Amino acid sequence: MLQSTQSRIQVNQPLPDSAFISSNVLAARPVPLTTISKSGRKRIATMKAQELHLQKKATGGRKKAPTEAEN
């Protein structure tokens, strides 16, 4: 048997970009609100509503009369 004396030299180069792949890349989609942010906003709104309710309950639903210190 004769063996080839030529040795194969393999040069590692990056592959060229495929036209099919580059033309079918998905566009970036907007990030939807997460459950965490929605629940956080709901919690903050609930706390503000409770605070407002407590203020109205303490004053009987009316604004406080201005005191002499505030004048």
N, C-alpha and C. Protein backbone atom coordinates (compact mmCIF):
# COMPACT_ATOMS: atom_id res chain seq x y z
N MET A 1 0.82 -1.16 0.00
CA MET A 1 0.00 0.00 0.00
C MET A 1 0.87 1.24 0.00
N LEU A 2 0.41 2.15 -0.78
CA LEU A 2 1.12 3.42 -0.82
C LEU A 2 0.37 4.43 0.04
N GLN A 3 1.08 5.09 0.85
CA GLN A 3 0.47 6.13 1.67
C GLN A 3 0.84 7.48 1.09
N SER A 4 -0.10 8.35 1.16
CA SER A 4 0.13 9.68 0.63
C SER A 4 1.08 10.43 1.56
N THR A 5 2.03 11.09 0.97
CA THR A 5 2.99 11.85 1.76
C THR A 5 2.49 13.26 2.03
N GLN A 6 1.40 13.59 1.37
CA GLN A 6 0.85 14.92 1.61
C GLN A 6 0.04 14.90 2.90
N SER A 7 0.23 15.91 3.68
CA SER A 7 -0.55 16.01 4.91
C SER A 7 -1.61 17.10 4.72
N ARG A 8 -2.73 16.85 5.26
CA ARG A 8 -3.81 17.82 5.14
C ARG A 8 -3.68 18.84 6.27
N ILE A 9 -3.67 20.06 5.88
CA ILE A 9 -3.62 21.14 6.86
C ILE A 9 -4.99 21.81 6.85
N GLN A 10 -5.62 21.78 8.00
CA GLN A 10 -6.95 22.35 8.11
C GLN A 10 -6.83 23.69 8.82
N VAL A 11 -7.26 24.71 8.12
CA VAL A 11 -7.21 26.05 8.68
C VAL A 11 -8.60 26.38 9.21
N ASN A 12 -8.66 26.70 10.50
CA ASN A 12 -9.94 27.01 11.13
C ASN A 12 -10.27 28.48 10.89
N GLN A 13 -11.30 28.69 10.09
CA GLN A 13 -11.78 30.03 9.82
C GLN A 13 -13.27 30.05 10.09
N PRO A 14 -13.79 31.21 10.43
CA PRO A 14 -15.24 31.27 10.64
C PRO A 14 -15.99 31.04 9.34
N LEU A 15 -17.13 30.39 9.46
CA LEU A 15 -17.94 30.13 8.28
C LEU A 15 -18.60 31.42 7.81
N PRO A 16 -18.82 31.57 6.53
CA PRO A 16 -19.50 32.77 6.04
C PRO A 16 -20.97 32.76 6.49
N ASP A 17 -21.53 33.96 6.62
CA ASP A 17 -22.93 34.07 7.03
C ASP A 17 -23.84 33.57 5.92
N SER A 18 -24.85 32.83 6.32
CA SER A 18 -25.81 32.32 5.37
C SER A 18 -26.82 33.42 5.04
N ALA A 19 -27.13 33.59 3.77
CA ALA A 19 -28.09 34.60 3.35
C ALA A 19 -29.48 34.27 3.89
N PHE A 20 -29.82 33.00 3.96
CA PHE A 20 -31.13 32.58 4.48
C PHE A 20 -31.26 32.95 5.95
N ILE A 21 -30.25 32.66 6.72
CA ILE A 21 -30.29 32.94 8.15
C ILE A 21 -30.33 34.44 8.40
N SER A 22 -29.52 35.19 7.70
CA SER A 22 -29.47 36.64 7.94
C SER A 22 -30.76 37.32 7.48
N SER A 23 -31.46 36.77 6.50
CA SER A 23 -32.71 37.39 6.06
C SER A 23 -33.90 36.99 6.93
N ASN A 24 -33.77 35.96 7.75
CA ASN A 24 -34.88 35.48 8.57
C ASN A 24 -34.66 35.68 10.06
N VAL A 25 -33.87 36.68 10.43
CA VAL A 25 -33.65 36.97 11.84
C VAL A 25 -34.87 37.70 12.38
N LEU A 26 -35.37 37.25 13.52
CA LEU A 26 -36.54 37.85 14.14
C LEU A 26 -36.19 39.24 14.68
N ALA A 27 -37.14 40.14 14.55
CA ALA A 27 -36.96 41.48 15.10
C ALA A 27 -37.14 41.42 16.61
N ALA A 28 -36.50 42.32 17.32
CA ALA A 28 -36.63 42.36 18.77
C ALA A 28 -38.04 42.79 19.15
N ARG A 29 -38.64 42.05 20.02
CA ARG A 29 -40.00 42.34 20.46
C ARG A 29 -39.95 43.16 21.74
N PRO A 30 -40.96 44.01 21.97
CA PRO A 30 -40.97 44.77 23.22
C PRO A 30 -41.20 43.81 24.39
N VAL A 31 -40.56 44.12 25.50
CA VAL A 31 -40.65 43.26 26.67
C VAL A 31 -41.97 43.54 27.38
N PRO A 32 -42.80 42.50 27.57
CA PRO A 32 -44.07 42.73 28.25
C PRO A 32 -43.85 42.96 29.74
N LEU A 33 -44.83 43.62 30.37
CA LEU A 33 -44.75 43.81 31.81
C LEU A 33 -44.81 42.45 32.49
N THR A 34 -44.05 42.31 33.53
CA THR A 34 -44.03 41.03 34.23
C THR A 34 -45.08 41.02 35.34
N THR A 35 -45.36 39.86 35.82
CA THR A 35 -46.31 39.71 36.91
C THR A 35 -45.81 40.43 38.15
N ILE A 36 -44.51 40.41 38.35
CA ILE A 36 -43.93 41.05 39.52
C ILE A 36 -44.20 42.55 39.50
N SER A 37 -43.97 43.18 38.36
CA SER A 37 -44.19 44.63 38.30
C SER A 37 -45.66 44.97 38.41
N LYS A 38 -46.51 44.15 37.82
CA LYS A 38 -47.95 44.41 37.91
C LYS A 38 -48.43 44.26 39.35
N SER A 39 -47.97 43.22 40.02
CA SER A 39 -48.41 43.02 41.40
C SER A 39 -47.82 44.09 42.31
N GLY A 40 -46.62 44.53 42.00
CA GLY A 40 -46.02 45.61 42.78
C GLY A 40 -46.80 46.90 42.64
N ARG A 41 -47.20 47.21 41.43
CA ARG A 41 -48.00 48.42 41.21
C ARG A 41 -49.35 48.31 41.90
N LYS A 42 -49.93 47.12 41.87
CA LYS A 42 -51.23 46.91 42.51
C LYS A 42 -51.09 47.10 44.02
N ARG A 43 -50.01 46.60 44.58
CA ARG A 43 -49.79 46.72 46.02
C ARG A 43 -49.62 48.18 46.42
N ILE A 44 -48.85 48.92 45.64
CA ILE A 44 -48.64 50.34 45.94
C ILE A 44 -49.96 51.09 45.86
N ALA A 45 -50.76 50.82 44.83
CA ALA A 45 -52.05 51.49 44.68
C ALA A 45 -52.97 51.15 45.84
N THR A 46 -52.94 49.90 46.29
CA THR A 46 -53.78 49.48 47.41
C THR A 46 -53.36 50.19 48.69
N MET A 47 -52.06 50.29 48.90
CA MET A 47 -51.56 50.96 50.11
C MET A 47 -51.94 52.44 50.11
N LYS A 48 -51.82 53.10 48.95
CA LYS A 48 -52.20 54.51 48.86
C LYS A 48 -53.69 54.68 49.12
N ALA A 49 -54.51 53.77 48.58
CA ALA A 49 -55.95 53.85 48.78
C ALA A 49 -56.30 53.66 50.25
N GLN A 50 -55.62 52.73 50.93
CA GLN A 50 -55.88 52.50 52.35
C GLN A 50 -55.47 53.72 53.17
N GLU A 51 -54.34 54.33 52.82
CA GLU A 51 -53.88 55.51 53.53
C GLU A 51 -54.87 56.66 53.36
N LEU A 52 -55.37 56.85 52.15
CA LEU A 52 -56.35 57.89 51.88
C LEU A 52 -57.64 57.63 52.65
N HIS A 53 -58.04 56.36 52.69
CA HIS A 53 -59.26 55.98 53.41
C HIS A 53 -59.09 56.27 54.90
N LEU A 54 -57.94 55.96 55.48
CA LEU A 54 -57.70 56.21 56.90
C LEU A 54 -57.69 57.71 57.19
N GLN A 55 -57.14 58.50 56.28
CA GLN A 55 -57.12 59.95 56.47
C GLN A 55 -58.55 60.51 56.46
N LYS A 56 -59.36 60.04 55.51
CA LYS A 56 -60.74 60.51 55.42
C LYS A 56 -61.53 60.07 56.66
N LYS A 57 -61.27 58.85 57.13
CA LYS A 57 -61.97 58.32 58.29
C LYS A 57 -61.61 59.14 59.54
N ALA A 58 -60.35 59.52 59.66
CA ALA A 58 -59.90 60.27 60.83
C ALA A 58 -60.48 61.68 60.85
N THR A 59 -60.69 62.28 59.69
CA THR A 59 -61.22 63.65 59.63
C THR A 59 -62.71 63.67 59.38
N GLY A 60 -63.34 62.53 59.30
CA GLY A 60 -64.78 62.48 59.05
C GLY A 60 -65.12 62.80 57.61
N GLY A 61 -64.15 62.66 56.71
CA GLY A 61 -64.39 62.91 55.30
C GLY A 61 -64.28 64.38 54.93
N ARG A 62 -63.99 65.24 55.91
CA ARG A 62 -63.87 66.67 55.65
C ARG A 62 -62.42 67.10 55.83
N LYS A 63 -62.11 68.20 55.21
CA LYS A 63 -60.78 68.76 55.40
C LYS A 63 -60.69 69.36 56.79
N LYS A 64 -59.52 69.32 57.35
CA LYS A 64 -59.32 69.91 58.68
C LYS A 64 -59.39 71.43 58.57
N ALA A 65 -59.92 72.02 59.58
CA ALA A 65 -59.94 73.47 59.65
C ALA A 65 -58.52 73.95 59.93
N PRO A 66 -58.08 75.02 59.26
CA PRO A 66 -56.72 75.49 59.47
C PRO A 66 -56.55 75.98 60.90
N THR A 67 -55.44 75.63 61.50
CA THR A 67 -55.14 76.06 62.86
C THR A 67 -54.35 77.35 62.79
N GLU A 68 -54.19 77.98 63.93
CA GLU A 68 -53.46 79.24 63.97
C GLU A 68 -52.01 79.05 63.58
N ALA A 69 -51.43 77.89 63.86
CA ALA A 69 -50.04 77.63 63.51
C ALA A 69 -49.85 77.58 62.01
N GLU A 70 -50.88 77.13 61.27
CA GLU A 70 -50.78 77.03 59.83
C GLU A 70 -51.00 78.37 59.13
N ASN A 71 -51.68 79.31 59.80
CA ASN A 71 -51.96 80.63 59.20
C ASN A 71 -50.75 81.46 59.14
